[in-house]
């Protein structure tokens, strides 16, 4: 409630650049923040929130073979790289 807001942004890349520039602290996806060795992770209170990853397609195409194949492949790739999307201690 007493925070002094210096900047706001609706994109993670801008938040990352603001943090790198020393403007303050911010929320970043683990996949983005963990790749930068100069960032220091702090534990927020309350605990970290999560969000869903959406894959959108046209209603008429969602059951076609090629679209199902892409969705399945994306799901497997995300599961295989799960650690990139989760906080590391």
PDB file of N, CA and C in Angstrom:
ATOM      1  N   UNK A   1       0.798  -1.220   0.000  1.00  0.00           N
ATOM      2  CA  UNK A   1       0.000   0.000   0.000  1.00  0.00           C
ATOM      3  C   UNK A   1       0.839   1.283   0.000  1.00  0.00           C
ATOM      4  N   UNK A   2       2.031   1.210   0.564  1.00  0.00           N
ATOM      5  CA  UNK A   2       2.872   2.413   0.612  1.00  0.00           C
ATOM      6  C   UNK A   2       3.954   2.412  -0.465  1.00  0.00           C
ATOM      7  N   UNK A   3       3.845   1.495  -1.396  1.00  0.00           N
ATOM      8  CA  UNK A   3       4.853   1.409  -2.455  1.00  0.00           C
ATOM      9  C   UNK A   3       4.872   2.681  -3.290  1.00  0.00           C
ATOM     10  N   UNK A   4       6.053   3.056  -3.704  1.00  0.00           N
ATOM     11  CA  UNK A   4       6.194   4.198  -4.601  1.00  0.00           C
ATOM     12  C   UNK A   4       6.365   3.659  -6.015  1.00  0.00           C
ATOM     13  N   UNK A   5       5.308   3.734  -6.798  1.00  0.00           N
ATOM     14  CA  UNK A   5       5.333   3.199  -8.151  1.00  0.00           C
ATOM     15  C   UNK A   5       6.121   4.163  -9.034  1.00  0.00           C
ATOM     16  N   UNK A   6       7.171   3.644  -9.657  1.00  0.00           N
ATOM     17  CA  UNK A   6       8.020   4.445 -10.534  1.00  0.00           C
ATOM     18  C   UNK A   6       7.698   4.229 -12.001  1.00  0.00           C
ATOM     19  N   UNK A   7       7.192   3.042 -12.305  1.00  0.00           N
ATOM     20  CA  UNK A   7       6.863   2.724 -13.694  1.00  0.00           C
ATOM     21  C   UNK A   7       5.889   1.555 -13.698  1.00  0.00           C
ATOM     22  N   UNK A   8       5.090   1.477 -14.742  1.00  0.00           N
ATOM     23  CA  UNK A   8       4.217   0.325 -14.949  1.00  0.00           C
ATOM     24  C   UNK A   8       4.348  -0.123 -16.400  1.00  0.00           C
ATOM     25  N   UNK A   9       4.040  -1.385 -16.623  1.00  0.00           N
ATOM     26  CA  UNK A   9       4.112  -1.919 -17.976  1.00  0.00           C
ATOM     27  C   UNK A   9       3.180  -3.111 -18.091  1.00  0.00           C
ATOM     28  N   UNK A  10       2.713  -3.356 -19.298  1.00  0.00           N
ATOM     29  CA  UNK A  10       1.869  -4.526 -19.511  1.00  0.00           C
ATOM     30  C   UNK A  10       2.592  -5.604 -20.312  1.00  0.00           C
ATOM     31  N   UNK A  11       3.906  -5.468 -20.461  1.00  0.00           N
ATOM     32  CA  UNK A  11       4.674  -6.515 -21.141  1.00  0.00           C
ATOM     33  C   UNK A  11       5.824  -6.973 -20.251  1.00  0.00           C
ATOM     34  N   UNK A  12       6.070  -8.274 -20.248  1.00  0.00           N
ATOM     35  CA  UNK A  12       7.133  -8.829 -19.416  1.00  0.00           C
ATOM     36  C   UNK A  12       8.514  -8.346 -19.840  1.00  0.00           C
ATOM     37  N   UNK A  13       8.723  -8.163 -21.133  1.00  0.00           N
ATOM     38  CA  UNK A  13      10.047  -7.722 -21.580  1.00  0.00           C
ATOM     39  C   UNK A  13      10.364  -6.311 -21.087  1.00  0.00           C
ATOM     40  N   UNK A  14       9.356  -5.454 -21.032  1.00  0.00           N
ATOM     41  CA  UNK A  14       9.579  -4.108 -20.510  1.00  0.00           C
ATOM     42  C   UNK A  14       9.840  -4.161 -19.011  1.00  0.00           C
ATOM     43  N   UNK A  15       9.095  -4.986 -18.291  1.00  0.00           N
ATOM     44  CA  UNK A  15       9.341  -5.142 -16.854  1.00  0.00           C
ATOM     45  C   UNK A  15      10.764  -5.637 -16.629  1.00  0.00           C
ATOM     46  N   UNK A  16      11.203  -6.606 -17.429  1.00  0.00           N
ATOM     47  CA  UNK A  16      12.566  -7.110 -17.317  1.00  0.00           C
ATOM     48  C   UNK A  16      13.585  -5.992 -17.517  1.00  0.00           C
ATOM     49  N   UNK A  17      13.407  -5.178 -18.521  1.00  0.00           N
ATOM     50  CA  UNK A  17      14.335  -4.080 -18.779  1.00  0.00           C
ATOM     51  C   UNK A  17      14.307  -3.038 -17.658  1.00  0.00           C
ATOM     52  N   UNK A  18      13.144  -2.760 -17.104  1.00  0.00           N
ATOM     53  CA  UNK A  18      13.052  -1.823 -15.985  1.00  0.00           C
ATOM     54  C   UNK A  18      13.794  -2.352 -14.763  1.00  0.00           C
ATOM     55  N   UNK A  19      13.641  -3.639 -14.475  1.00  0.00           N
ATOM     56  CA  UNK A  19      14.346  -4.244 -13.345  1.00  0.00           C
ATOM     57  C   UNK A  19      15.850  -4.209 -13.589  1.00  0.00           C
ATOM     58  N   UNK A  20      16.269  -4.581 -14.785  1.00  0.00           N
ATOM     59  CA  UNK A  20      17.707  -4.526 -15.128  1.00  0.00           C
ATOM     60  C   UNK A  20      18.274  -3.118 -14.967  1.00  0.00           C
ATOM     61  N   UNK A  21      17.445  -2.115 -15.258  1.00  0.00           N
ATOM     62  CA  UNK A  21      17.893  -0.722 -15.162  1.00  0.00           C
ATOM     63  C   UNK A  21      17.900  -0.215 -13.719  1.00  0.00           C
ATOM     64  N   UNK A  22      17.432  -1.051 -12.792  1.00  0.00           N
ATOM     65  CA  UNK A  22      17.461  -0.662 -11.391  1.00  0.00           C
ATOM     66  C   UNK A  22      16.274   0.148 -10.927  1.00  0.00           C
ATOM     67  N   UNK A  23      15.205   0.140 -11.697  1.00  0.00           N
ATOM     68  CA  UNK A  23      14.028   0.923 -11.335  1.00  0.00           C
ATOM     69  C   UNK A  23      13.351   0.351 -10.088  1.00  0.00           C
ATOM     70  N   UNK A  24      13.408  -0.962  -9.908  1.00  0.00           N
ATOM     71  CA  UNK A  24      12.777  -1.567  -8.738  1.00  0.00           C
ATOM     72  C   UNK A  24      12.588  -3.054  -8.900  1.00  0.00           C
ATOM     73  N   UNK A  25      11.518  -3.563  -8.312  1.00  0.00           N
ATOM     74  CA  UNK A  25      11.200  -4.986  -8.374  1.00  0.00           C
ATOM     75  C   UNK A  25       9.949  -5.179  -9.214  1.00  0.00           C
ATOM     76  N   UNK A  26       9.717  -6.409  -9.649  1.00  0.00           N
ATOM     77  CA  UNK A  26       8.534  -6.691 -10.440  1.00  0.00           C
ATOM     78  C   UNK A  26       8.314  -8.181 -10.573  1.00  0.00           C
ATOM     79  N   UNK A  27       7.135  -8.539 -11.048  1.00  0.00           N
ATOM     80  CA  UNK A  27       6.803  -9.935 -11.315  1.00  0.00           C
ATOM     81  C   UNK A  27       7.236 -10.291 -12.725  1.00  0.00           C
ATOM     82  N   UNK A  28       7.921 -11.423 -12.855  1.00  0.00           N
ATOM     83  CA  UNK A  28       8.336 -11.930 -14.163  1.00  0.00           C
ATOM     84  C   UNK A  28       8.054 -13.415 -14.242  1.00  0.00           C
ATOM     85  N   UNK A  29       7.755 -13.925 -15.424  1.00  0.00           N
ATOM     86  CA  UNK A  29       7.640 -15.370 -15.578  1.00  0.00           C
ATOM     87  C   UNK A  29       8.996 -16.024 -15.304  1.00  0.00           C
ATOM     88  N   UNK A  30       8.965 -17.184 -14.674  1.00  0.00           N
ATOM     89  CA  UNK A  30      10.210 -17.894 -14.346  1.00  0.00           C
ATOM     90  C   UNK A  30      11.065 -18.132 -15.586  1.00  0.00           C
ATOM     91  N   UNK A  31      10.436 -18.478 -16.707  1.00  0.00           N
ATOM     92  CA  UNK A  31      11.185 -18.772 -17.925  1.00  0.00           C
ATOM     93  C   UNK A  31      12.011 -17.568 -18.383  1.00  0.00           C
ATOM     94  N   UNK A  32      11.545 -16.379 -18.093  1.00  0.00           N
ATOM     95  CA  UNK A  32      12.246 -15.159 -18.480  1.00  0.00           C
ATOM     96  C   UNK A  32      13.267 -14.744 -17.426  1.00  0.00           C
ATOM     97  N   UNK A  33      12.864 -14.757 -16.178  1.00  0.00           N
ATOM     98  CA  UNK A  33      13.736 -14.283 -15.103  1.00  0.00           C
ATOM     99  C   UNK A  33      14.897 -15.233 -14.824  1.00  0.00           C
ATOM    100  N   UNK A  34      14.659 -16.530 -14.889  1.00  0.00           N
ATOM    101  CA  UNK A  34      15.711 -17.508 -14.570  1.00  0.00           C
ATOM    102  C   UNK A  34      16.862 -17.474 -15.562  1.00  0.00           C
ATOM    103  N   UNK A  35      16.611 -16.957 -16.748  1.00  0.00           N
ATOM    104  CA  UNK A  35      17.652 -16.905 -17.775  1.00  0.00           C
ATOM    105  C   UNK A  35      18.640 -15.770 -17.540  1.00  0.00           C
ATOM    106  N   UNK A  36      18.352 -14.872 -16.609  1.00  0.00           N
ATOM    107  CA  UNK A  36      19.228 -13.728 -16.356  1.00  0.00           C
ATOM    108  C   UNK A  36      19.954 -13.916 -15.031  1.00  0.00           C
ATOM    109  N   UNK A  37      21.259 -14.205 -15.065  1.00  0.00           N
ATOM    110  CA  UNK A  37      22.009 -14.464 -13.827  1.00  0.00           C
ATOM    111  C   UNK A  37      22.175 -13.223 -12.948  1.00  0.00           C
ATOM    112  N   UNK A  38      21.883 -12.048 -13.468  1.00  0.00           N
ATOM    113  CA  UNK A  38      22.035 -10.824 -12.684  1.00  0.00           C
ATOM    114  C   UNK A  38      20.811 -10.488 -11.844  1.00  0.00           C
ATOM    115  N   UNK A  39      19.720 -11.216 -12.047  1.00  0.00           N
ATOM    116  CA  UNK A  39      18.508 -10.969 -11.272  1.00  0.00           C
ATOM    117  C   UNK A  39      18.538 -11.797  -9.995  1.00  0.00           C
ATOM    118  N   UNK A  40      17.975 -11.247  -8.940  1.00  0.00           N
ATOM    119  CA  UNK A  40      17.875 -11.942  -7.664  1.00  0.00           C
ATOM    120  C   UNK A  40      16.403 -12.183  -7.386  1.00  0.00           C
ATOM    121  N   UNK A  41      16.082 -13.434  -7.139  1.00  0.00           N
ATOM    122  CA  UNK A  41      14.689 -13.791  -6.854  1.00  0.00           C
ATOM    123  C   UNK A  41      14.374 -13.482  -5.400  1.00  0.00           C
ATOM    124  N   UNK A  42      13.266 -12.806  -5.172  1.00  0.00           N
ATOM    125  CA  UNK A  42      12.795 -12.563  -3.814  1.00  0.00           C
ATOM    126  C   UNK A  42      11.453 -13.247  -3.652  1.00  0.00           C
ATOM    127  N   UNK A  43      11.189 -13.720  -2.468  1.00  0.00           N
ATOM    128  CA  UNK A  43       9.942 -14.426  -2.214  1.00  0.00           C
ATOM    129  C   UNK A  43       8.834 -13.420  -1.933  1.00  0.00           C
ATOM    130  N   UNK A  44       7.830 -13.391  -2.770  1.00  0.00           N
ATOM    131  CA  UNK A  44       6.719 -12.463  -2.527  1.00  0.00           C
ATOM    132  C   UNK A  44       5.778 -12.965  -1.447  1.00  0.00           C
ATOM    133  N   UNK A  45       5.068 -12.070  -0.840  1.00  0.00           N
ATOM    134  CA  UNK A  45       4.012 -12.401   0.105  1.00  0.00           C
ATOM    135  C   UNK A  45       2.763 -11.711  -0.396  1.00  0.00           C
ATOM    136  N   UNK A  46       1.703 -12.386  -0.696  1.00  0.00           N
ATOM    137  CA  UNK A  46       1.495 -13.828  -0.601  1.00  0.00           C
ATOM    138  C   UNK A  46       2.297 -14.595  -1.649  1.00  0.00           C
ATOM    139  N   UNK A  47       2.244 -15.931  -1.588  1.00  0.00           N
ATOM    140  CA  UNK A  47       3.026 -16.748  -2.522  1.00  0.00           C
ATOM    141  C   UNK A  47       2.747 -16.426  -3.997  1.00  0.00           C
ATOM    142  N   UNK A  48       3.639 -16.897  -4.824  1.00  0.00           N
ATOM    143  CA  UNK A  48       3.585 -16.668  -6.272  1.00  0.00           C
ATOM    144  C   UNK A  48       2.264 -17.151  -6.860  1.00  0.00           C
ATOM    145  N   UNK A  49       1.759 -16.409  -7.782  1.00  0.00           N
ATOM    146  CA  UNK A  49       0.548 -16.801  -8.496  1.00  0.00           C
ATOM    147  C   UNK A  49       0.933 -17.600  -9.732  1.00  0.00           C
ATOM    148  N   UNK A  50      -0.046 -18.214 -10.358  1.00  0.00           N
ATOM    149  CA  UNK A  50       0.214 -18.952 -11.587  1.00  0.00           C
ATOM    150  C   UNK A  50      -0.776 -18.500 -12.647  1.00  0.00           C
ATOM    151  N   UNK A  51      -0.496 -18.863 -13.856  1.00  0.00           N
ATOM    152  CA  UNK A  51      -1.374 -18.507 -14.964  1.00  0.00           C
ATOM    153  C   UNK A  51      -1.417 -19.663 -15.959  1.00  0.00           C
ATOM    154  N   UNK A  52      -2.413 -19.674 -16.775  1.00  0.00           N
ATOM    155  CA  UNK A  52      -2.578 -20.733 -17.770  1.00  0.00           C
ATOM    156  C   UNK A  52      -1.925 -20.331 -19.083  1.00  0.00           C
ATOM    157  N   UNK A  53      -1.549 -21.324 -19.853  1.00  0.00           N
ATOM    158  CA  UNK A  53      -1.063 -21.108 -21.207  1.00  0.00           C
ATOM    159  C   UNK A  53      -2.188 -21.540 -22.146  1.00  0.00           C
ATOM    160  N   UNK A  54      -2.605 -20.632 -22.992  1.00  0.00           N
ATOM    161  CA  UNK A  54      -3.710 -20.901 -23.905  1.00  0.00           C
ATOM    162  C   UNK A  54      -3.207 -21.116 -25.323  1.00  0.00           C
ATOM    163  N   UNK A  55      -3.827 -22.056 -26.009  1.00  0.00           N
ATOM    164  CA  UNK A  55      -3.584 -22.255 -27.434  1.00  0.00           C
ATOM    165  C   UNK A  55      -4.930 -22.073 -28.118  1.00  0.00           C
ATOM    166  N   UNK A  56      -5.008 -21.086 -28.975  1.00  0.00           N
ATOM    167  CA  UNK A  56      -6.273 -20.768 -29.629  1.00  0.00           C
ATOM    168  C   UNK A  56      -6.257 -21.162 -31.097  1.00  0.00           C
ATOM    169  N   UNK A  57      -7.395 -21.603 -31.572  1.00  0.00           N
ATOM    170  CA  UNK A  57      -7.546 -21.938 -32.974  1.00  0.00           C
ATOM    171  C   UNK A  57      -8.989 -21.640 -33.381  1.00  0.00           C
ATOM    172  N   UNK A  58      -9.219 -21.562 -34.631  1.00  0.00           N
ATOM    173  CA  UNK A  58     -10.564 -21.343 -35.133  1.00  0.00           C
ATOM    174  C   UNK A  58     -11.419 -22.563 -34.802  1.00  0.00           C
ATOM    175  N   UNK A  59     -12.649 -22.314 -34.404  1.00  0.00           N
ATOM    176  CA  UNK A  59     -13.562 -23.389 -34.006  1.00  0.00           C
ATOM    177  C   UNK A  59     -13.683 -24.483 -35.072  1.00  0.00           C
ATOM    178  N   UNK A  60     -13.751 -24.098 -36.320  1.00  0.00           N
ATOM    179  CA  UNK A  60     -13.917 -25.065 -37.412  1.00  0.00           C
ATOM    180  C   UNK A  60     -12.688 -25.942 -37.626  1.00  0.00           C
ATOM    181  N   UNK A  61     -11.530 -25.508 -37.130  1.00  0.00           N
ATOM    182  CA  UNK A  61     -10.296 -26.243 -37.389  1.00  0.00           C
ATOM    183  C   UNK A  61      -9.776 -27.041 -36.191  1.00  0.00           C
ATOM    184  N   UNK A  62     -10.355 -26.849 -35.033  1.00  0.00           N
ATOM    185  CA  UNK A  62      -9.739 -27.402 -33.829  1.00  0.00           C
ATOM    186  C   UNK A  62      -9.668 -28.924 -33.776  1.00  0.00           C
ATOM    187  N   UNK A  63     -10.477 -29.613 -34.543  1.00  0.00           N
ATOM    188  CA  UNK A  63     -10.414 -31.068 -34.535  1.00  0.00           C
ATOM    189  C   UNK A  63      -9.723 -31.650 -35.767  1.00  0.00           C
ATOM    190  N   UNK A  64      -9.151 -30.806 -36.604  1.00  0.00           N
ATOM    191  CA  UNK A  64      -8.438 -31.331 -37.766  1.00  0.00           C
ATOM    192  C   UNK A  64      -7.117 -31.945 -37.316  1.00  0.00           C
ATOM    193  N   UNK A  65      -6.634 -32.884 -38.083  1.00  0.00           N
ATOM    194  CA  UNK A  65      -5.413 -33.603 -37.723  1.00  0.00           C
ATOM    195  C   UNK A  65      -4.213 -32.708 -37.506  1.00  0.00           C
ATOM    196  N   UNK A  66      -3.998 -31.770 -38.405  1.00  0.00           N
ATOM    197  CA  UNK A  66      -2.795 -30.932 -38.294  1.00  0.00           C
ATOM    198  C   UNK A  66      -2.850 -30.014 -37.075  1.00  0.00           C
ATOM    199  N   UNK A  67      -4.037 -29.513 -36.741  1.00  0.00           N
ATOM    200  CA  UNK A  67      -4.174 -28.650 -35.569  1.00  0.00           C
ATOM    201  C   UNK A  67      -4.008 -29.473 -34.296  1.00  0.00           C
ATOM    202  N   UNK A  68      -4.609 -30.647 -34.238  1.00  0.00           N
ATOM    203  CA  UNK A  68      -4.436 -31.532 -33.080  1.00  0.00           C
ATOM    204  C   UNK A  68      -2.973 -31.907 -32.909  1.00  0.00           C
ATOM    205  N   UNK A  69      -2.278 -32.151 -34.021  1.00  0.00           N
ATOM    206  CA  UNK A  69      -0.859 -32.500 -33.952  1.00  0.00           C
ATOM    207  C   UNK A  69      -0.031 -31.351 -33.372  1.00  0.00           C
ATOM    208  N   UNK A  70      -0.329 -30.127 -33.797  1.00  0.00           N
ATOM    209  CA  UNK A  70       0.390 -28.962 -33.276  1.00  0.00           C
ATOM    210  C   UNK A  70       0.106 -28.796 -31.782  1.00  0.00           C
ATOM    211  N   UNK A  71      -1.155 -28.899 -31.391  1.00  0.00           N
ATOM    212  CA  UNK A  71      -1.510 -28.765 -29.980  1.00  0.00           C
ATOM    213  C   UNK A  71      -0.830 -29.837 -29.127  1.00  0.00           C
ATOM    214  N   UNK A  72      -0.829 -31.043 -29.615  1.00  0.00           N
ATOM    215  CA  UNK A  72      -0.193 -32.135 -28.896  1.00  0.00           C
ATOM    216  C   UNK A  72       1.310 -31.912 -28.774  1.00  0.00           C
ATOM    217  N   UNK A  73       1.917 -31.482 -29.857  1.00  0.00           N
ATOM    218  CA  UNK A  73       3.356 -31.219 -29.863  1.00  0.00           C
ATOM    219  C   UNK A  73       3.722 -30.083 -28.906  1.00  0.00           C
ATOM    220  N   UNK A  74       2.917 -29.028 -28.909  1.00  0.00           N
ATOM    221  CA  UNK A  74       3.160 -27.917 -27.979  1.00  0.00           C
ATOM    222  C   UNK A  74       3.026 -28.379 -26.536  1.00  0.00           C
ATOM    223  N   UNK A  75       2.009 -29.168 -26.255  1.00  0.00           N
ATOM    224  CA  UNK A  75       1.813 -29.695 -24.903  1.00  0.00           C
ATOM    225  C   UNK A  75       2.992 -30.537 -24.448  1.00  0.00           C
ATOM    226  N   UNK A  76       3.483 -31.391 -25.311  1.00  0.00           N
ATOM    227  CA  UNK A  76       4.646 -32.229 -24.984  1.00  0.00           C
ATOM    228  C   UNK A  76       5.890 -31.373 -24.744  1.00  0.00           C
ATOM    229  N   UNK A  77       6.106 -30.381 -25.595  1.00  0.00           N
ATOM    230  CA  UNK A  77       7.281 -29.513 -25.448  1.00  0.00           C
ATOM    231  C   UNK A  77       7.235 -28.756 -24.121  1.00  0.00           C
ATOM    232  N   UNK A  78       6.060 -28.282 -23.748  1.00  0.00           N
ATOM    233  CA  UNK A  78       5.933 -27.565 -22.479  1.00  0.00           C
ATOM    234  C   UNK A  78       6.152 -28.512 -21.307  1.00  0.00           C
ATOM    235  N   UNK A  79       5.578 -29.706 -21.372  1.00  0.00           N
ATOM    236  CA  UNK A  79       5.790 -30.684 -20.298  1.00  0.00           C
ATOM    237  C   UNK A  79       7.262 -31.072 -20.201  1.00  0.00           C
ATOM    238  N   UNK A  80       7.923 -31.249 -21.341  1.00  0.00           N
ATOM    239  CA  UNK A  80       9.336 -31.637 -21.348  1.00  0.00           C
ATOM    240  C   UNK A  80      10.236 -30.540 -20.764  1.00  0.00           C
ATOM    241  N   UNK A  81       9.805 -29.307 -20.878  1.00  0.00           N
ATOM    242  CA  UNK A  81      10.592 -28.181 -20.380  1.00  0.00           C
ATOM    243  C   UNK A  81       9.935 -27.540 -19.157  1.00  0.00           C
ATOM    244  N   UNK A  82       9.202 -28.317 -18.410  1.00  0.00           N
ATOM    245  CA  UNK A  82       8.430 -27.820 -17.278  1.00  0.00           C
ATOM    246  C   UNK A  82       9.265 -26.978 -16.312  1.00  0.00           C
ATOM    247  N   UNK A  83      10.500 -27.361 -16.097  1.00  0.00           N
ATOM    248  CA  UNK A  83      11.342 -26.631 -15.147  1.00  0.00           C
ATOM    249  C   UNK A  83      11.577 -25.177 -15.566  1.00  0.00           C
ATOM    250  N   UNK A  84      11.479 -24.880 -16.855  1.00  0.00           N
ATOM    251  CA  UNK A  84      11.645 -23.502 -17.309  1.00  0.00           C
ATOM    252  C   UNK A  84      10.479 -22.616 -16.897  1.00  0.00           C
ATOM    253  N   UNK A  85       9.339 -23.234 -16.641  1.00  0.00           N
ATOM    254  CA  UNK A  85       8.126 -22.492 -16.331  1.00  0.00           C
ATOM    255  C   UNK A  85       7.826 -22.423 -14.833  1.00  0.00           C
ATOM    256  N   UNK A  86       8.643 -23.095 -14.022  1.00  0.00           N
ATOM    257  CA  UNK A  86       8.401 -23.138 -12.586  1.00  0.00           C
ATOM    258  C   UNK A  86       9.541 -22.473 -11.834  1.00  0.00           C
ATOM    259  N   UNK A  87       9.209 -21.938 -10.680  1.00  0.00           N
ATOM    260  CA  UNK A  87      10.224 -21.305  -9.827  1.00  0.00           C
ATOM    261  C   UNK A  87      11.224 -22.359  -9.340  1.00  0.00           C
ATOM    262  N   UNK A  88      12.471 -21.975  -9.318  1.00  0.00           N
ATOM    263  CA  UNK A  88      13.529 -22.852  -8.829  1.00  0.00           C
ATOM    264  C   UNK A  88      14.023 -22.303  -7.500  1.00  0.00           C
ATOM    265  N   UNK A  89      14.239 -23.207  -6.557  1.00  0.00           N
ATOM    266  CA  UNK A  89      14.756 -22.774  -5.258  1.00  0.00           C
ATOM    267  C   UNK A  89      16.234 -22.492  -5.312  1.00  0.00           C
TER     268      UNK A  89
END
